[in-house]
mmCIF file of all heavy atoms, coordinates in Angstrom:
data_MODEL
# 
_entry.id   MODEL 
# 
loop_
_atom_site.group_PDB 
_atom_site.id 
_atom_site.type_symbol 
_atom_site.label_atom_id 
_atom_site.label_alt_id 
_atom_site.label_comp_id 
_atom_site.label_asym_id 
_atom_site.label_entity_id 
_atom_site.label_seq_id 
_atom_site.pdbx_PDB_ins_code 
_atom_site.Cartn_x 
_atom_site.Cartn_y 
_atom_site.Cartn_z 
_atom_site.occupancy 
_atom_site.B_iso_or_equiv 
_atom_site.pdbx_formal_charge 
_atom_site.auth_seq_id 
_atom_site.auth_comp_id 
_atom_site.auth_asym_id 
_atom_site.auth_atom_id 
_atom_site.pdbx_PDB_model_num 
ATOM 1   N N   . ALA A 1 1  ? 0.810   -1.220 0.003   1.00 0.00 ? 1  ALA A N   1 
ATOM 2   C CA  . ALA A 1 1  ? 0.003   0.002  0.008   1.00 0.00 ? 1  ALA A CA  1 
ATOM 3   C C   . ALA A 1 1  ? 0.839   1.273  0.015   1.00 0.00 ? 1  ALA A C   1 
ATOM 4   O O   . ALA A 1 1  ? 2.028   1.271  0.353   1.00 0.00 ? 1  ALA A O   1 
ATOM 5   C CB  . ALA A 1 1  ? -0.916  -0.005 1.228   1.00 0.00 ? 1  ALA A CB  1 
ATOM 6   N N   . PHE A 1 2  ? 0.186   2.362  -0.367  1.00 0.00 ? 2  PHE A N   1 
ATOM 7   C CA  . PHE A 1 2  ? 0.798   3.681  -0.276  1.00 0.00 ? 2  PHE A CA  1 
ATOM 8   C C   . PHE A 1 2  ? 0.644   4.228  1.125   1.00 0.00 ? 2  PHE A C   1 
ATOM 9   O O   . PHE A 1 2  ? -0.411  4.113  1.739   1.00 0.00 ? 2  PHE A O   1 
ATOM 10  C CB  . PHE A 1 2  ? 0.112   4.644  -1.288  1.00 0.00 ? 2  PHE A CB  1 
ATOM 11  C CG  . PHE A 1 2  ? 0.487   4.374  -2.716  1.00 0.00 ? 2  PHE A CG  1 
ATOM 12  C CD1 . PHE A 1 2  ? -0.387  3.676  -3.524  1.00 0.00 ? 2  PHE A CD1 1 
ATOM 13  C CD2 . PHE A 1 2  ? 1.659   4.841  -3.245  1.00 0.00 ? 2  PHE A CD2 1 
ATOM 14  C CE1 . PHE A 1 2  ? -0.055  3.427  -4.862  1.00 0.00 ? 2  PHE A CE1 1 
ATOM 15  C CE2 . PHE A 1 2  ? 1.997   4.609  -4.581  1.00 0.00 ? 2  PHE A CE2 1 
ATOM 16  C CZ  . PHE A 1 2  ? 1.144   3.900  -5.399  1.00 0.00 ? 2  PHE A CZ  1 
ATOM 17  N N   . LEU A 1 3  ? 1.729   4.863  1.629   1.00 0.00 ? 3  LEU A N   1 
ATOM 18  C CA  . LEU A 1 3  ? 1.710   5.580  2.893   1.00 0.00 ? 3  LEU A CA  1 
ATOM 19  C C   . LEU A 1 3  ? 2.152   7.005  2.631   1.00 0.00 ? 3  LEU A C   1 
ATOM 20  O O   . LEU A 1 3  ? 3.304   7.386  2.914   1.00 0.00 ? 3  LEU A O   1 
ATOM 21  C CB  . LEU A 1 3  ? 2.644   4.935  3.921   1.00 0.00 ? 3  LEU A CB  1 
ATOM 22  C CG  . LEU A 1 3  ? 2.311   3.587  4.530   1.00 0.00 ? 3  LEU A CG  1 
ATOM 23  C CD1 . LEU A 1 3  ? 2.649   2.461  3.546   1.00 0.00 ? 3  LEU A CD1 1 
ATOM 24  C CD2 . LEU A 1 3  ? 3.079   3.356  5.828   1.00 0.00 ? 3  LEU A CD2 1 
ATOM 25  N N   . PRO A 1 4  ? 1.307   7.830  2.019   1.00 0.00 ? 4  PRO A N   1 
ATOM 26  C CA  . PRO A 1 4  ? 1.748   9.184  1.659   1.00 0.00 ? 4  PRO A CA  1 
ATOM 27  C C   . PRO A 1 4  ? 1.949   10.070 2.890   1.00 0.00 ? 4  PRO A C   1 
ATOM 28  O O   . PRO A 1 4  ? 1.273   9.925  3.913   1.00 0.00 ? 4  PRO A O   1 
ATOM 29  C CB  . PRO A 1 4  ? 0.596   9.687  0.808   1.00 0.00 ? 4  PRO A CB  1 
ATOM 30  C CG  . PRO A 1 4  ? -0.608  8.952  1.311   1.00 0.00 ? 4  PRO A CG  1 
ATOM 31  C CD  . PRO A 1 4  ? -0.097  7.596  1.697   1.00 0.00 ? 4  PRO A CD  1 
ATOM 32  N N   . ASP A 1 5  ? 2.843   11.002 2.764   1.00 0.00 ? 5  ASP A N   1 
ATOM 33  C CA  . ASP A 1 5  ? 3.007   12.068 3.753   1.00 0.00 ? 5  ASP A CA  1 
ATOM 34  C C   . ASP A 1 5  ? 2.217   13.281 3.282   1.00 0.00 ? 5  ASP A C   1 
ATOM 35  O O   . ASP A 1 5  ? 1.660   13.275 2.171   1.00 0.00 ? 5  ASP A O   1 
ATOM 36  C CB  . ASP A 1 5  ? 4.485   12.415 3.925   1.00 0.00 ? 5  ASP A CB  1 
ATOM 37  C CG  . ASP A 1 5  ? 4.790   13.074 5.278   1.00 0.00 ? 5  ASP A CG  1 
ATOM 38  O OD1 . ASP A 1 5  ? 3.831   13.501 5.959   1.00 0.00 ? 5  ASP A OD1 1 
ATOM 39  O OD2 . ASP A 1 5  ? 5.974   13.159 5.632   1.00 0.00 ? 5  ASP A OD2 1 
ATOM 40  N N   . THR A 1 6  ? 2.137   14.296 4.085   1.00 0.00 ? 6  THR A N   1 
ATOM 41  C CA  . THR A 1 6  ? 1.380   15.487 3.753   1.00 0.00 ? 6  THR A CA  1 
ATOM 42  C C   . THR A 1 6  ? 1.805   16.047 2.400   1.00 0.00 ? 6  THR A C   1 
ATOM 43  O O   . THR A 1 6  ? 3.008   16.254 2.151   1.00 0.00 ? 6  THR A O   1 
ATOM 44  C CB  . THR A 1 6  ? 1.581   16.571 4.836   1.00 0.00 ? 6  THR A CB  1 
ATOM 45  O OG1 . THR A 1 6  ? 1.273   15.985 6.114   1.00 0.00 ? 6  THR A OG1 1 
ATOM 46  C CG2 . THR A 1 6  ? 0.656   17.769 4.587   1.00 0.00 ? 6  THR A CG2 1 
ATOM 47  N N   . GLY A 1 7  ? 0.839   16.275 1.495   1.00 0.00 ? 7  GLY A N   1 
ATOM 48  C CA  . GLY A 1 7  ? 1.122   16.909 0.212   1.00 0.00 ? 7  GLY A CA  1 
ATOM 49  C C   . GLY A 1 7  ? 1.535   15.941 -0.875  1.00 0.00 ? 7  GLY A C   1 
ATOM 50  O O   . GLY A 1 7  ? 1.666   16.357 -2.052  1.00 0.00 ? 7  GLY A O   1 
ATOM 51  N N   . GLU A 1 8  ? 1.697   14.652 -0.563  1.00 0.00 ? 8  GLU A N   1 
ATOM 52  C CA  . GLU A 1 8  ? 2.101   13.686 -1.564  1.00 0.00 ? 8  GLU A CA  1 
ATOM 53  C C   . GLU A 1 8  ? 0.869   13.013 -2.205  1.00 0.00 ? 8  GLU A C   1 
ATOM 54  O O   . GLU A 1 8  ? -0.088  12.682 -1.492  1.00 0.00 ? 8  GLU A O   1 
ATOM 55  C CB  . GLU A 1 8  ? 3.015   12.613 -0.959  1.00 0.00 ? 8  GLU A CB  1 
ATOM 56  C CG  . GLU A 1 8  ? 4.337   13.151 -0.462  1.00 0.00 ? 8  GLU A CG  1 
ATOM 57  C CD  . GLU A 1 8  ? 5.180   12.094 0.218   1.00 0.00 ? 8  GLU A CD  1 
ATOM 58  O OE1 . GLU A 1 8  ? 4.623   11.061 0.627   1.00 0.00 ? 8  GLU A OE1 1 
ATOM 59  O OE2 . GLU A 1 8  ? 6.407   12.312 0.373   1.00 0.00 ? 8  GLU A OE2 1 
ATOM 60  N N   . SER A 1 9  ? 0.952   12.762 -3.504  1.00 0.00 ? 9  SER A N   1 
ATOM 61  C CA  . SER A 1 9  ? -0.126  12.028 -4.174  1.00 0.00 ? 9  SER A CA  1 
ATOM 62  C C   . SER A 1 9  ? 0.382   10.623 -4.522  1.00 0.00 ? 9  SER A C   1 
ATOM 63  O O   . SER A 1 9  ? 1.578   10.327 -4.529  1.00 0.00 ? 9  SER A O   1 
ATOM 64  C CB  . SER A 1 9  ? -0.538  12.756 -5.465  1.00 0.00 ? 9  SER A CB  1 
ATOM 65  O OG  . SER A 1 9  ? 0.491   12.614 -6.465  1.00 0.00 ? 9  SER A OG  1 
ATOM 66  N N   . VAL A 1 10 ? -0.571  9.759  -4.830  1.00 0.00 ? 10 VAL A N   1 
ATOM 67  C CA  . VAL A 1 10 ? -0.255  8.388  -5.236  1.00 0.00 ? 10 VAL A CA  1 
ATOM 68  C C   . VAL A 1 10 ? 0.592   8.384  -6.506  1.00 0.00 ? 10 VAL A C   1 
ATOM 69  O O   . VAL A 1 10 ? 1.610   7.685  -6.590  1.00 0.00 ? 10 VAL A O   1 
ATOM 70  C CB  . VAL A 1 10 ? -1.546  7.576  -5.431  1.00 0.00 ? 10 VAL A CB  1 
ATOM 71  C CG1 . VAL A 1 10 ? -1.289  6.290  -6.197  1.00 0.00 ? 10 VAL A CG1 1 
ATOM 72  C CG2 . VAL A 1 10 ? -2.189  7.257  -4.074  1.00 0.00 ? 10 VAL A CG2 1 
ATOM 73  N N   . ASN A 1 11 ? 0.203   9.183  -7.489  1.00 0.00 ? 11 ASN A N   1 
ATOM 74  C CA  . ASN A 1 11 ? 0.972   9.230  -8.743  1.00 0.00 ? 11 ASN A CA  1 
ATOM 75  C C   . ASN A 1 11 ? 2.368   9.723  -8.530  1.00 0.00 ? 11 ASN A C   1 
ATOM 76  O O   . ASN A 1 11 ? 3.344   9.222  -9.098  1.00 0.00 ? 11 ASN A O   1 
ATOM 77  C CB  . ASN A 1 11 ? 0.253   10.091 -9.785  1.00 0.00 ? 11 ASN A CB  1 
ATOM 78  C CG  . ASN A 1 11 ? -0.625  9.268  -10.693 1.00 0.00 ? 11 ASN A CG  1 
ATOM 79  O OD1 . ASN A 1 11 ? -0.600  8.055  -10.683 1.00 0.00 ? 11 ASN A OD1 1 
ATOM 80  N ND2 . ASN A 1 11 ? -1.395  9.944  -11.516 1.00 0.00 ? 11 ASN A ND2 1 
ATOM 81  N N   . GLU A 1 12 ? 2.518   10.758 -7.714  1.00 0.00 ? 12 GLU A N   1 
ATOM 82  C CA  . GLU A 1 12 ? 3.858   11.311 -7.463  1.00 0.00 ? 12 GLU A CA  1 
ATOM 83  C C   . GLU A 1 12 ? 4.747   10.297 -6.775  1.00 0.00 ? 12 GLU A C   1 
ATOM 84  O O   . GLU A 1 12 ? 5.908   10.122 -7.152  1.00 0.00 ? 12 GLU A O   1 
ATOM 85  C CB  . GLU A 1 12 ? 3.720   12.580 -6.606  1.00 0.00 ? 12 GLU A CB  1 
ATOM 86  C CG  . GLU A 1 12 ? 5.047   13.329 -6.399  1.00 0.00 ? 12 GLU A CG  1 
ATOM 87  C CD  . GLU A 1 12 ? 5.838   12.853 -5.177  1.00 0.00 ? 12 GLU A CD  1 
ATOM 88  O OE1 . GLU A 1 12 ? 5.183   12.571 -4.157  1.00 0.00 ? 12 GLU A OE1 1 
ATOM 89  O OE2 . GLU A 1 12 ? 7.066   12.782 -5.267  1.00 0.00 ? 12 GLU A OE2 1 
ATOM 90  N N   . LEU A 1 13 ? 4.211   9.561  -5.807  1.00 0.00 ? 13 LEU A N   1 
ATOM 91  C CA  . LEU A 1 13 ? 4.985   8.542  -5.130  1.00 0.00 ? 13 LEU A CA  1 
ATOM 92  C C   . LEU A 1 13 ? 5.368   7.413  -6.082  1.00 0.00 ? 13 LEU A C   1 
ATOM 93  O O   . LEU A 1 13 ? 6.485   6.881  -6.030  1.00 0.00 ? 13 LEU A O   1 
ATOM 94  C CB  . LEU A 1 13 ? 4.198   8.010  -3.934  1.00 0.00 ? 13 LEU A CB  1 
ATOM 95  C CG  . LEU A 1 13 ? 4.180   8.882  -2.687  1.00 0.00 ? 13 LEU A CG  1 
ATOM 96  C CD1 . LEU A 1 13 ? 3.129   8.372  -1.688  1.00 0.00 ? 13 LEU A CD1 1 
ATOM 97  C CD2 . LEU A 1 13 ? 5.547   8.947  -2.020  1.00 0.00 ? 13 LEU A CD2 1 
ATOM 98  N N   . ALA A 1 14 ? 4.413   6.989  -6.925  1.00 0.00 ? 14 ALA A N   1 
ATOM 99  C CA  . ALA A 1 14 ? 4.664   5.864  -7.823  1.00 0.00 ? 14 ALA A CA  1 
ATOM 100 C C   . ALA A 1 14 ? 5.822   6.112  -8.782  1.00 0.00 ? 14 ALA A C   1 
ATOM 101 O O   . ALA A 1 14 ? 6.482   5.181  -9.243  1.00 0.00 ? 14 ALA A O   1 
ATOM 102 C CB  . ALA A 1 14 ? 3.414   5.549  -8.605  1.00 0.00 ? 14 ALA A CB  1 
ATOM 103 N N   . SER A 1 15 ? 6.072   7.389  -9.064  1.00 0.00 ? 15 SER A N   1 
ATOM 104 C CA  . SER A 1 15 ? 7.164   7.734  -9.995  1.00 0.00 ? 15 SER A CA  1 
ATOM 105 C C   . SER A 1 15 ? 8.481   8.070  -9.287  1.00 0.00 ? 15 SER A C   1 
ATOM 106 O O   . SER A 1 15 ? 9.489   8.336  -9.945  1.00 0.00 ? 15 SER A O   1 
ATOM 107 C CB  . SER A 1 15 ? 6.744   8.928  -10.873 1.00 0.00 ? 15 SER A CB  1 
ATOM 108 O OG  . SER A 1 15 ? 6.521   10.068 -10.079 1.00 0.00 ? 15 SER A OG  1 
ATOM 109 N N   . ARG A 1 16 ? 8.489   8.013  -7.952  1.00 0.00 ? 16 ARG A N   1 
ATOM 110 C CA  . ARG A 1 16 ? 9.686   8.403  -7.205  1.00 0.00 ? 16 ARG A CA  1 
ATOM 111 C C   . ARG A 1 16 ? 10.770  7.362  -7.310  1.00 0.00 ? 16 ARG A C   1 
ATOM 112 O O   . ARG A 1 16 ? 11.974  7.675  -7.258  1.00 0.00 ? 16 ARG A O   1 
ATOM 113 C CB  . ARG A 1 16 ? 9.322   8.666  -5.749  1.00 0.00 ? 16 ARG A CB  1 
ATOM 114 C CG  . ARG A 1 16 ? 10.457  9.285  -4.936  1.00 0.00 ? 16 ARG A CG  1 
ATOM 115 C CD  . ARG A 1 16 ? 9.996   9.688  -3.560  1.00 0.00 ? 16 ARG A CD  1 
ATOM 116 N NE  . ARG A 1 16 ? 9.026   10.770 -3.588  1.00 0.00 ? 16 ARG A NE  1 
ATOM 117 C CZ  . ARG A 1 16 ? 8.569   11.381 -2.500  1.00 0.00 ? 16 ARG A CZ  1 
ATOM 118 N NH1 . ARG A 1 16 ? 8.971   10.999 -1.289  1.00 0.00 ? 16 ARG A NH1 1 
ATOM 119 N NH2 . ARG A 1 16 ? 7.684   12.342 -2.592  1.00 0.00 ? 16 ARG A NH2 1 
ATOM 120 N N   . PHE A 1 17 ? 10.400  6.064  -7.426  1.00 0.00 ? 17 PHE A N   1 
ATOM 121 C CA  . PHE A 1 17 ? 11.385  4.989  -7.562  1.00 0.00 ? 17 PHE A CA  1 
ATOM 122 C C   . PHE A 1 17 ? 11.113  4.256  -8.889  1.00 0.00 ? 17 PHE A C   1 
ATOM 123 O O   . PHE A 1 17 ? 9.981   4.224  -9.370  1.00 0.00 ? 17 PHE A O   1 
ATOM 124 C CB  . PHE A 1 17 ? 11.278  4.002  -6.412  1.00 0.00 ? 17 PHE A CB  1 
ATOM 125 C CG  . PHE A 1 17 ? 11.750  4.544  -5.085  1.00 0.00 ? 17 PHE A CG  1 
ATOM 126 C CD1 . PHE A 1 17 ? 10.930  5.373  -4.327  1.00 0.00 ? 17 PHE A CD1 1 
ATOM 127 C CD2 . PHE A 1 17 ? 13.004  4.205  -4.602  1.00 0.00 ? 17 PHE A CD2 1 
ATOM 128 C CE1 . PHE A 1 17 ? 11.369  5.879  -3.101  1.00 0.00 ? 17 PHE A CE1 1 
ATOM 129 C CE2 . PHE A 1 17 ? 13.444  4.690  -3.370  1.00 0.00 ? 17 PHE A CE2 1 
ATOM 130 C CZ  . PHE A 1 17 ? 12.632  5.525  -2.625  1.00 0.00 ? 17 PHE A CZ  1 
ATOM 131 N N   . GLU A 1 18 ? 12.168  3.670  -9.433  1.00 0.00 ? 18 GLU A N   1 
ATOM 132 C CA  . GLU A 1 18 ? 11.995  2.897  -10.659 1.00 0.00 ? 18 GLU A CA  1 
ATOM 133 C C   . GLU A 1 18 ? 11.294  1.590  -10.377 1.00 0.00 ? 18 GLU A C   1 
ATOM 134 O O   . GLU A 1 18 ? 11.344  1.067  -9.273  1.00 0.00 ? 18 GLU A O   1 
ATOM 135 C CB  . GLU A 1 18 ? 13.349  2.624  -11.319 1.00 0.00 ? 18 GLU A CB  1 
ATOM 136 C CG  . GLU A 1 18 ? 14.058  3.883  -11.817 1.00 0.00 ? 18 GLU A CG  1 
ATOM 137 C CD  . GLU A 1 18 ? 15.351  3.561  -12.538 1.00 0.00 ? 18 GLU A CD  1 
ATOM 138 O OE1 . GLU A 1 18 ? 15.724  2.370  -12.546 1.00 0.00 ? 18 GLU A OE1 1 
ATOM 139 O OE2 . GLU A 1 18 ? 15.980  4.508  -13.041 1.00 0.00 ? 18 GLU A OE2 1 
ATOM 140 N N   . GLY A 1 19 ? 10.621  1.049  -11.395 1.00 0.00 ? 19 GLY A N   1 
ATOM 141 C CA  . GLY A 1 19 ? 10.062  -0.283 -11.274 1.00 0.00 ? 19 GLY A CA  1 
ATOM 142 C C   . GLY A 1 19 ? 8.547   -0.378 -11.420 1.00 0.00 ? 19 GLY A C   1 
ATOM 143 O O   . GLY A 1 19 ? 8.031   -1.467 -11.665 1.00 0.00 ? 19 GLY A O   1 
ATOM 144 N N   . SER A 1 20 ? 7.809   0.705  -11.302 1.00 0.00 ? 20 SER A N   1 
ATOM 145 C CA  . SER A 1 20 ? 6.351   0.634  -11.452 1.00 0.00 ? 20 SER A CA  1 
ATOM 146 C C   . SER A 1 20 ? 5.982   0.647  -12.906 1.00 0.00 ? 20 SER A C   1 
ATOM 147 O O   . SER A 1 20 ? 6.488   1.446  -13.677 1.00 0.00 ? 20 SER A O   1 
ATOM 148 C CB  . SER A 1 20 ? 5.683   1.817  -10.723 1.00 0.00 ? 20 SER A CB  1 
ATOM 149 O OG  . SER A 1 20 ? 4.274   1.764  -10.947 1.00 0.00 ? 20 SER A OG  1 
ATOM 150 N N   . VAL A 1 21 ? 5.058   -0.235 -13.274 1.00 0.00 ? 21 VAL A N   1 
ATOM 151 C CA  . VAL A 1 21 ? 4.590   -0.285 -14.679 1.00 0.00 ? 21 VAL A CA  1 
ATOM 152 C C   . VAL A 1 21 ? 3.244   0.441  -14.821 1.00 0.00 ? 21 VAL A C   1 
ATOM 153 O O   . VAL A 1 21 ? 2.651   0.417  -15.894 1.00 0.00 ? 21 VAL A O   1 
ATOM 154 C CB  . VAL A 1 21 ? 4.418   -1.742 -15.141 1.00 0.00 ? 21 VAL A CB  1 
ATOM 155 C CG1 . VAL A 1 21 ? 5.760   -2.463 -15.059 1.00 0.00 ? 21 VAL A CG1 1 
ATOM 156 C CG2 . VAL A 1 21 ? 3.340   -2.487 -14.347 1.00 0.00 ? 21 VAL A CG2 1 
ATOM 157 N N   . ILE A 1 22 ? 2.775   1.075  -13.760 1.00 0.00 ? 22 ILE A N   1 
ATOM 158 C CA  . ILE A 1 22 ? 1.414   1.625  -13.769 1.00 0.00 ? 22 ILE A CA  1 
ATOM 159 C C   . ILE A 1 22 ? 1.178   2.586  -14.922 1.00 0.00 ? 22 ILE A C   1 
ATOM 160 O O   . ILE A 1 22 ? 0.134   2.600  -15.559 1.00 0.00 ? 22 ILE A O   1 
ATOM 161 C CB  . ILE A 1 22 ? 1.075   2.269  -12.388 1.00 0.00 ? 22 ILE A CB  1 
ATOM 162 C CG1 . ILE A 1 22 ? -0.408  2.617  -12.293 1.00 0.00 ? 22 ILE A CG1 1 
ATOM 163 C CG2 . ILE A 1 22 ? 1.925   3.487  -12.140 1.00 0.00 ? 22 ILE A CG2 1 
ATOM 164 C CD1 . ILE A 1 22 ? -1.307  1.407  -12.281 1.00 0.00 ? 22 ILE A CD1 1 
ATOM 165 N N   . GLY A 1 23 ? 2.207   3.392  -15.262 1.00 0.00 ? 23 GLY A N   1 
ATOM 166 C CA  . GLY A 1 23 ? 2.016   4.362  -16.331 1.00 0.00 ? 23 GLY A CA  1 
ATOM 167 C C   . GLY A 1 23 ? 1.903   3.729  -17.703 1.00 0.00 ? 23 GLY A C   1 
ATOM 168 O O   . GLY A 1 23 ? 1.402   4.382  -18.636 1.00 0.00 ? 23 GLY A O   1 
ATOM 169 N N   . ASP A 1 24 ? 2.306   2.473  -17.816 1.00 0.00 ? 24 ASP A N   1 
ATOM 170 C CA  . ASP A 1 24 ? 2.278   1.795  -19.110 1.00 0.00 ? 24 ASP A CA  1 
ATOM 171 C C   . ASP A 1 24 ? 1.042   0.937  -19.324 1.00 0.00 ? 24 ASP A C   1 
ATOM 172 O O   . ASP A 1 24 ? 0.828   0.441  -20.436 1.00 0.00 ? 24 ASP A O   1 
ATOM 173 C CB  . ASP A 1 24 ? 3.516   0.893  -19.246 1.00 0.00 ? 24 ASP A CB  1 
ATOM 174 C CG  . ASP A 1 24 ? 4.815   1.680  -19.161 1.00 0.00 ? 24 ASP A CG  1 
ATOM 175 O OD1 . ASP A 1 24 ? 4.874   2.820  -19.656 1.00 0.00 ? 24 ASP A OD1 1 
ATOM 176 O OD2 . ASP A 1 24 ? 5.770   1.141  -18.565 1.00 0.00 ? 24 ASP A OD2 1 
ATOM 177 N N   . VAL A 1 25 ? 0.254   0.740  -18.279 1.00 0.00 ? 25 VAL A N   1 
ATOM 178 C CA  . VAL A 1 25 ? -0.852  -0.207 -18.399 1.00 0.00 ? 25 VAL A CA  1 
ATOM 179 C C   . VAL A 1 25 ? -2.241  0.396  -18.229 1.00 0.00 ? 25 VAL A C   1 
ATOM 180 O O   . VAL A 1 25 ? -3.242  -0.280 -18.400 1.00 0.00 ? 25 VAL A O   1 
ATOM 181 C CB  . VAL A 1 25 ? -0.694  -1.382 -17.374 1.00 0.00 ? 25 VAL A CB  1 
ATOM 182 C CG1 . VAL A 1 25 ? 0.637   -2.088 -17.606 1.00 0.00 ? 25 VAL A CG1 1 
ATOM 183 C CG2 . VAL A 1 25 ? -0.787  -0.871 -15.961 1.00 0.00 ? 25 VAL A CG2 1 
ATOM 184 N N   . LEU A 1 26 ? -2.300  1.683  -17.902 1.00 0.00 ? 26 LEU A N   1 
ATOM 185 C CA  . LEU A 1 26 ? -3.578  2.307  -17.628 1.00 0.00 ? 26 LEU A CA  1 
ATOM 186 C C   . LEU A 1 26 ? -4.333  2.659  -18.939 1.00 0.00 ? 26 LEU A C   1 
ATOM 187 O O   . LEU A 1 26 ? -3.728  3.083  -19.928 1.00 0.00 ? 26 LEU A O   1 
ATOM 188 C CB  . LEU A 1 26 ? -3.414  3.568  -16.793 1.00 0.00 ? 26 LEU A CB  1 
ATOM 189 C CG  . LEU A 1 26 ? -2.961  3.365  -15.343 1.00 0.00 ? 26 LEU A CG  1 
ATOM 190 C CD1 . LEU A 1 26 ? -2.908  4.680  -14.628 1.00 0.00 ? 26 LEU A CD1 1 
ATOM 191 C CD2 . LEU A 1 26 ? -3.903  2.410  -14.613 1.00 0.00 ? 26 LEU A CD2 1 
ATOM 192 N N   . ARG A 1 27 ? -5.635  2.525  -18.855 1.00 0.00 ? 27 ARG A N   1 
ATOM 193 C CA  . ARG A 1 27 ? -6.523  2.886  -19.997 1.00 0.00 ? 27 ARG A CA  1 
ATOM 194 C C   . ARG A 1 27 ? -7.486  3.941  -19.496 1.00 0.00 ? 27 ARG A C   1 
ATOM 195 O O   . ARG A 1 27 ? -8.332  3.667  -18.634 1.00 0.00 ? 27 ARG A O   1 
ATOM 196 C CB  . ARG A 1 27 ? -7.279  1.672  -20.500 1.00 0.00 ? 27 ARG A CB  1 
ATOM 197 C CG  . ARG A 1 27 ? -8.184  1.946  -21.686 1.00 0.00 ? 27 ARG A CG  1 
ATOM 198 C CD  . ARG A 1 27 ? -8.791  0.645  -22.216 1.00 0.00 ? 27 ARG A CD  1 
ATOM 199 N NE  . ARG A 1 27 ? -9.684  0.030  -21.253 1.00 0.00 ? 27 ARG A NE  1 
ATOM 200 C CZ  . ARG A 1 27 ? -10.984 0.339  -21.115 1.00 0.00 ? 27 ARG A CZ  1 
ATOM 201 N NH1 . ARG A 1 27 ? -11.527 1.267  -21.881 1.00 0.00 ? 27 ARG A NH1 1 
ATOM 202 N NH2 . ARG A 1 27 ? -11.729 -0.300 -20.244 1.00 0.00 ? 27 ARG A NH2 1 
# 
């Protein structure tokens, strides 16, 4: 799961480290 801190979004966190494929699979 995501554990965001104040002001952070899910998308911003997902792009902070390499390895997520989420940007390539969304429709």
